[in-house]
Protein backbone atom coordinates (compact mmCIF):
# COMPACT_ATOMS: atom_id res chain seq x y z
CA MET A 1 78.78 52.19 84.38
CA THR A 2 78.02 48.81 85.90
CA ARG A 3 80.51 47.99 88.65
CA LEU A 4 82.78 44.95 88.37
CA SER A 5 83.40 43.16 91.67
CA VAL A 6 86.02 40.44 91.33
CA ASN A 7 85.61 37.32 93.44
CA ILE A 8 89.07 36.17 94.58
CA ASN A 9 88.09 32.80 96.04
CA LYS A 10 90.08 30.91 93.40
CA VAL A 11 93.20 32.89 94.23
CA ALA A 12 92.82 31.74 97.84
CA LEU A 13 92.22 28.17 96.67
CA LEU A 14 95.53 28.22 94.81
CA ARG A 15 97.29 29.66 97.85
CA ASN A 16 95.86 26.99 100.11
CA ALA A 17 96.99 24.18 97.81
CA ARG A 18 100.59 24.69 98.90
CA GLY A 19 100.22 26.53 102.18
CA GLY A 20 102.02 29.78 102.84
CA GLN A 21 101.08 33.05 101.18
CA VAL A 22 101.71 32.46 97.47
CA PRO A 23 99.88 33.91 95.66
CA ASP A 24 99.54 36.85 98.02
CA LEU A 25 95.81 37.46 98.43
CA LEU A 26 96.22 41.03 99.63
CA ALA A 27 98.54 41.94 96.79
CA ILE A 28 96.17 40.41 94.24
CA ALA A 29 93.22 42.36 95.66
CA LYS A 30 95.23 45.59 95.56
CA ASP A 31 96.28 44.94 91.96
CA ILE A 32 92.74 44.12 90.83
CA GLU A 33 91.59 47.47 92.18
CA HIS A 34 94.54 49.20 90.54
CA PHE A 35 93.61 47.60 87.21
CA GLY A 36 90.17 49.21 87.42
CA ALA A 37 87.75 46.84 89.18
CA GLN A 38 85.31 48.60 91.46
CA GLY A 39 85.05 45.92 94.12
CA ILE A 40 86.42 42.77 95.71
CA THR A 41 84.17 39.84 96.64
CA VAL A 42 84.94 36.86 98.86
CA HIS A 43 82.80 33.89 99.87
CA PRO A 44 84.17 32.06 102.92
CA ARG A 45 82.79 28.53 103.21
CA PRO A 46 82.40 26.67 106.50
CA ASP A 47 85.36 24.40 105.61
CA GLU A 48 87.50 27.42 104.60
CA ARG A 49 88.65 25.59 101.48
CA HIS A 50 89.52 28.89 99.80
CA ILE A 51 88.86 32.16 101.64
CA ARG A 52 89.53 31.79 105.35
CA PHE A 53 87.70 33.78 107.97
CA SER A 54 91.11 35.06 109.06
CA ASP A 55 91.44 36.67 105.60
CA LEU A 56 88.45 38.94 106.11
CA MET A 57 89.83 41.65 108.37
CA PRO A 58 93.13 42.08 106.47
CA LEU A 59 91.14 42.37 103.23
CA LYS A 60 88.76 44.93 104.75
CA GLU A 61 91.76 47.02 105.77
CA GLN A 62 93.30 46.63 102.28
CA VAL A 63 90.34 47.17 99.96
CA ARG A 64 89.75 50.76 98.90
CA THR A 65 86.75 50.23 96.63
CA GLU A 66 83.83 48.01 97.75
CA PHE A 67 84.38 44.96 99.93
CA ASN A 68 81.61 42.37 99.59
CA ILE A 69 81.38 39.23 101.72
CA GLU A 70 79.05 36.47 100.47
CA GLY A 71 77.77 33.53 102.42
CA TYR A 72 75.02 31.67 104.18
CA PRO A 73 74.02 33.61 107.32
CA SER A 74 74.93 31.02 109.94
CA PRO A 75 75.66 32.37 113.44
CA HIS A 76 79.42 32.00 112.89
CA PHE A 77 79.28 33.73 109.50
CA LEU A 78 77.26 36.61 110.90
CA ASP A 79 79.61 37.04 113.85
CA GLN A 80 82.54 37.32 111.45
CA VAL A 81 80.79 39.75 109.12
CA LEU A 82 79.60 41.99 111.95
CA ALA A 83 83.14 42.11 113.32
CA VAL A 84 84.66 43.01 109.96
CA ARG A 85 81.87 45.33 108.74
CA PRO A 86 82.30 45.11 104.97
CA HIS A 87 80.55 47.58 102.71
CA GLN A 88 78.18 44.87 101.52
CA CYS A 89 77.07 41.39 102.52
CA THR A 90 75.47 39.12 99.93
CA LEU A 91 73.32 36.44 101.52
CA VAL A 92 73.09 33.08 99.74
CA PRO A 93 71.00 30.03 100.70
CA ASP A 94 73.82 27.52 100.28
CA PRO A 95 73.93 24.41 102.49
CA PRO A 96 77.31 23.86 104.23
CA ASP A 97 78.51 21.25 101.69
CA ALA A 98 77.61 23.22 98.55
CA LEU A 99 80.33 23.27 95.91
CA THR A 100 79.13 26.62 94.59
CA SER A 101 76.03 28.79 94.81
CA ASN A 102 73.44 27.42 92.39
CA ALA A 103 70.04 28.77 93.48
CA GLY A 104 68.46 31.82 95.03
CA TRP A 105 66.41 32.38 98.17
CA ASP A 106 62.76 31.50 98.55
CA THR A 107 62.06 34.93 100.02
CA LYS A 108 58.49 34.00 100.92
CA LYS A 109 59.38 30.92 102.94
CA HIS A 110 62.42 32.51 104.62
CA LYS A 111 61.11 36.08 104.91
CA ASN A 112 61.10 36.28 108.70
CA PHE A 113 64.55 34.70 109.03
CA LEU A 114 66.01 37.05 106.43
CA ARG A 115 64.32 40.06 107.98
CA GLU A 116 66.04 39.37 111.32
CA VAL A 117 69.44 38.80 109.72
CA ILE A 118 69.23 41.87 107.51
CA ALA A 119 68.20 44.05 110.45
CA GLN A 120 71.39 43.04 112.26
CA LEU A 121 73.54 43.85 109.26
CA ASN A 122 71.81 47.16 108.58
CA GLU A 123 72.32 48.21 112.19
CA HIS A 124 76.05 48.03 111.48
CA ASN A 125 75.69 50.05 108.25
CA ILE A 126 76.29 47.00 106.07
CA ARG A 127 74.38 47.05 102.79
CA VAL A 128 72.67 43.72 102.02
CA SER A 129 72.10 41.92 98.74
CA LEU A 130 69.93 38.80 98.44
CA PHE A 131 70.83 36.07 95.95
CA LEU A 132 67.69 35.38 93.87
CA ASN A 133 66.59 33.28 90.93
CA PRO A 134 65.35 35.32 87.95
CA ASP A 135 61.65 35.33 88.76
CA PRO A 136 59.60 38.46 89.55
CA ARG A 137 57.50 36.61 92.11
CA TRP A 138 60.35 36.84 94.65
CA ILE A 139 60.67 40.63 94.47
CA ASP A 140 57.86 41.80 96.77
CA SER A 141 58.85 39.44 99.56
CA ALA A 142 62.54 40.29 99.04
CA LYS A 143 61.71 43.97 99.43
CA SER A 144 59.83 43.23 102.66
CA THR A 145 62.95 41.72 104.24
CA GLY A 146 64.67 45.11 104.31
CA THR A 147 67.37 44.28 101.77
CA GLN A 148 68.77 47.06 99.62
CA CYS A 149 69.84 44.93 96.64
CA ILE A 150 69.27 41.66 94.87
CA GLU A 151 71.85 39.57 93.03
CA LEU A 152 70.39 37.56 90.16
CA TYR A 153 71.74 34.03 89.85
CA THR A 154 72.94 33.92 86.24
CA GLY A 155 73.83 30.23 85.96
CA THR A 156 70.67 29.51 83.95
CA TYR A 157 71.43 32.40 81.62
CA ALA A 158 74.99 31.19 81.01
CA ALA A 159 73.82 27.66 80.26
CA ARG A 160 71.21 28.71 77.70
CA TYR A 161 72.97 31.73 76.18
CA PRO A 162 75.01 29.91 73.48
CA GLU A 163 71.92 28.48 71.78
CA GLU A 164 69.05 30.80 72.71
CA PRO A 165 70.30 34.13 74.06
CA ASP A 166 66.96 35.91 73.68
CA ILE A 167 65.13 33.23 75.66
CA ALA A 168 67.95 33.01 78.19
CA ILE A 169 67.83 36.73 78.98
CA ALA A 170 64.05 37.20 79.15
CA PRO A 171 63.35 36.33 82.82
CA PHE A 172 66.29 38.44 83.94
CA VAL A 173 64.99 41.51 82.13
CA GLN A 174 61.56 41.18 83.74
CA THR A 175 62.96 40.53 87.21
CA ALA A 176 65.39 43.46 86.97
CA GLN A 177 62.56 45.77 85.97
CA GLU A 178 60.41 44.62 88.88
CA ALA A 179 63.31 45.00 91.32
CA TYR A 180 64.11 48.52 90.16
CA GLN A 181 60.47 49.56 90.44
CA ALA A 182 60.50 48.18 94.00
CA GLY A 183 63.50 50.34 94.84
CA LEU A 184 66.08 47.54 94.88
CA ALA A 185 69.50 47.77 93.26
CA VAL A 186 70.11 45.05 90.67
CA HIS A 187 73.28 42.93 90.81
CA ALA A 188 74.12 39.70 88.99
CA GLY A 189 76.61 36.86 89.20
CA HIS A 190 77.54 33.24 88.49
CA ASP A 191 79.08 31.87 85.28
CA LEU A 192 79.29 35.26 83.59
CA ASN A 193 82.33 35.34 81.32
CA LEU A 194 83.96 37.11 78.38
CA HIS A 195 81.57 35.45 75.93
CA ASN A 196 78.20 36.14 77.56
CA LEU A 197 78.76 39.27 79.66
CA ARG A 198 78.35 41.95 77.01
CA TYR A 199 74.96 40.65 75.82
CA PHE A 200 73.80 40.47 79.42
CA TYR A 201 74.98 44.00 80.14
CA PHE A 202 73.28 45.53 77.11
CA ASN A 203 69.95 43.81 77.78
CA ILE A 204 69.51 44.06 81.55
CA PRO A 205 68.10 47.41 82.67
CA TYR A 206 69.43 49.12 85.78
CA LEU A 207 72.34 46.68 86.24
CA ALA A 208 74.42 48.19 89.04
CA GLU A 209 77.00 45.45 89.69
CA VAL A 210 78.28 42.11 88.47
CA SER A 211 80.33 39.72 90.59
CA ILE A 212 82.70 37.52 88.59
CA GLY A 213 85.37 35.19 89.90
CA HIS A 214 85.93 31.74 88.43
CA ALA A 215 85.91 32.71 84.76
CA LEU A 216 87.95 35.87 85.31
CA ILE A 217 90.70 34.10 87.25
CA CYS A 218 90.80 31.33 84.63
CA ASP A 219 91.09 33.90 81.84
CA ALA A 220 93.94 35.56 83.72
CA LEU A 221 96.00 32.38 83.25
CA TYR A 222 95.99 33.13 79.51
CA TYR A 223 95.83 36.90 79.29
CA GLY A 224 97.36 38.08 82.56
CA LEU A 225 95.44 39.68 85.38
CA SER A 226 95.71 43.29 84.23
CA SER A 227 94.58 42.56 80.66
CA THR A 228 91.77 40.30 81.87
CA VAL A 229 90.29 42.90 84.21
CA GLN A 230 90.41 45.40 81.34
CA MET A 231 88.66 42.94 79.01
CA TYR A 232 85.81 42.48 81.48
CA LEU A 233 85.53 46.22 82.08
CA TYR A 234 85.38 46.80 78.33
CA ARG A 235 82.33 44.56 78.13
CA LEU A 236 80.63 46.69 80.77
CA ARG A 237 80.98 49.91 78.84
CA GLY A 238 78.03 51.45 77.09
CA SER A 239 79.62 51.77 73.64
């Protein structure tokens, strides 16, 4: 079954709005795992507007499934990740002022830079995933960086899905096939939700993991966290 990794950035954003520790980030992460999710994802930004770098080590000690840290590999980010040693690090090409991740790496242009960064992470037994746009032309150069996984940016799929789902999914299918043939694990994330996730799951071959945060936390306001996690897991079942 495709793994569900829940991004808890928005929980941290709510906590930071009032200061203190409410909601309790560690308790939320523990509960999400208890409700069945197979991973916890965080994406600390340079301004620490949601996840703080000081959250990383306590979360690593708390999480019992897979702990995934996303971010742009600046020197400070890399120092923090290497100190914490999560199970996985997802590298994104976001500039410091980005509101959210909205594009993948040009793995040809940045191949040498990524190769050096990934070598550092792999030396510490940290699995690496590269954030990519759905285009097979990035796969060969992504493979050459030493990464073990790719994460397909699904914002374009989510935008087009309501009107043209078959057209929206097509480049993702081709890219996932190319990645699998190259020996890369296939992940996906961004704007996946209760409405578009099941179609994506049933059509993307070799989908190992999805990372979902914003939509899931918003849905939890209506359905409760336990029910919401179960609803997302249900859409990732093969029946």
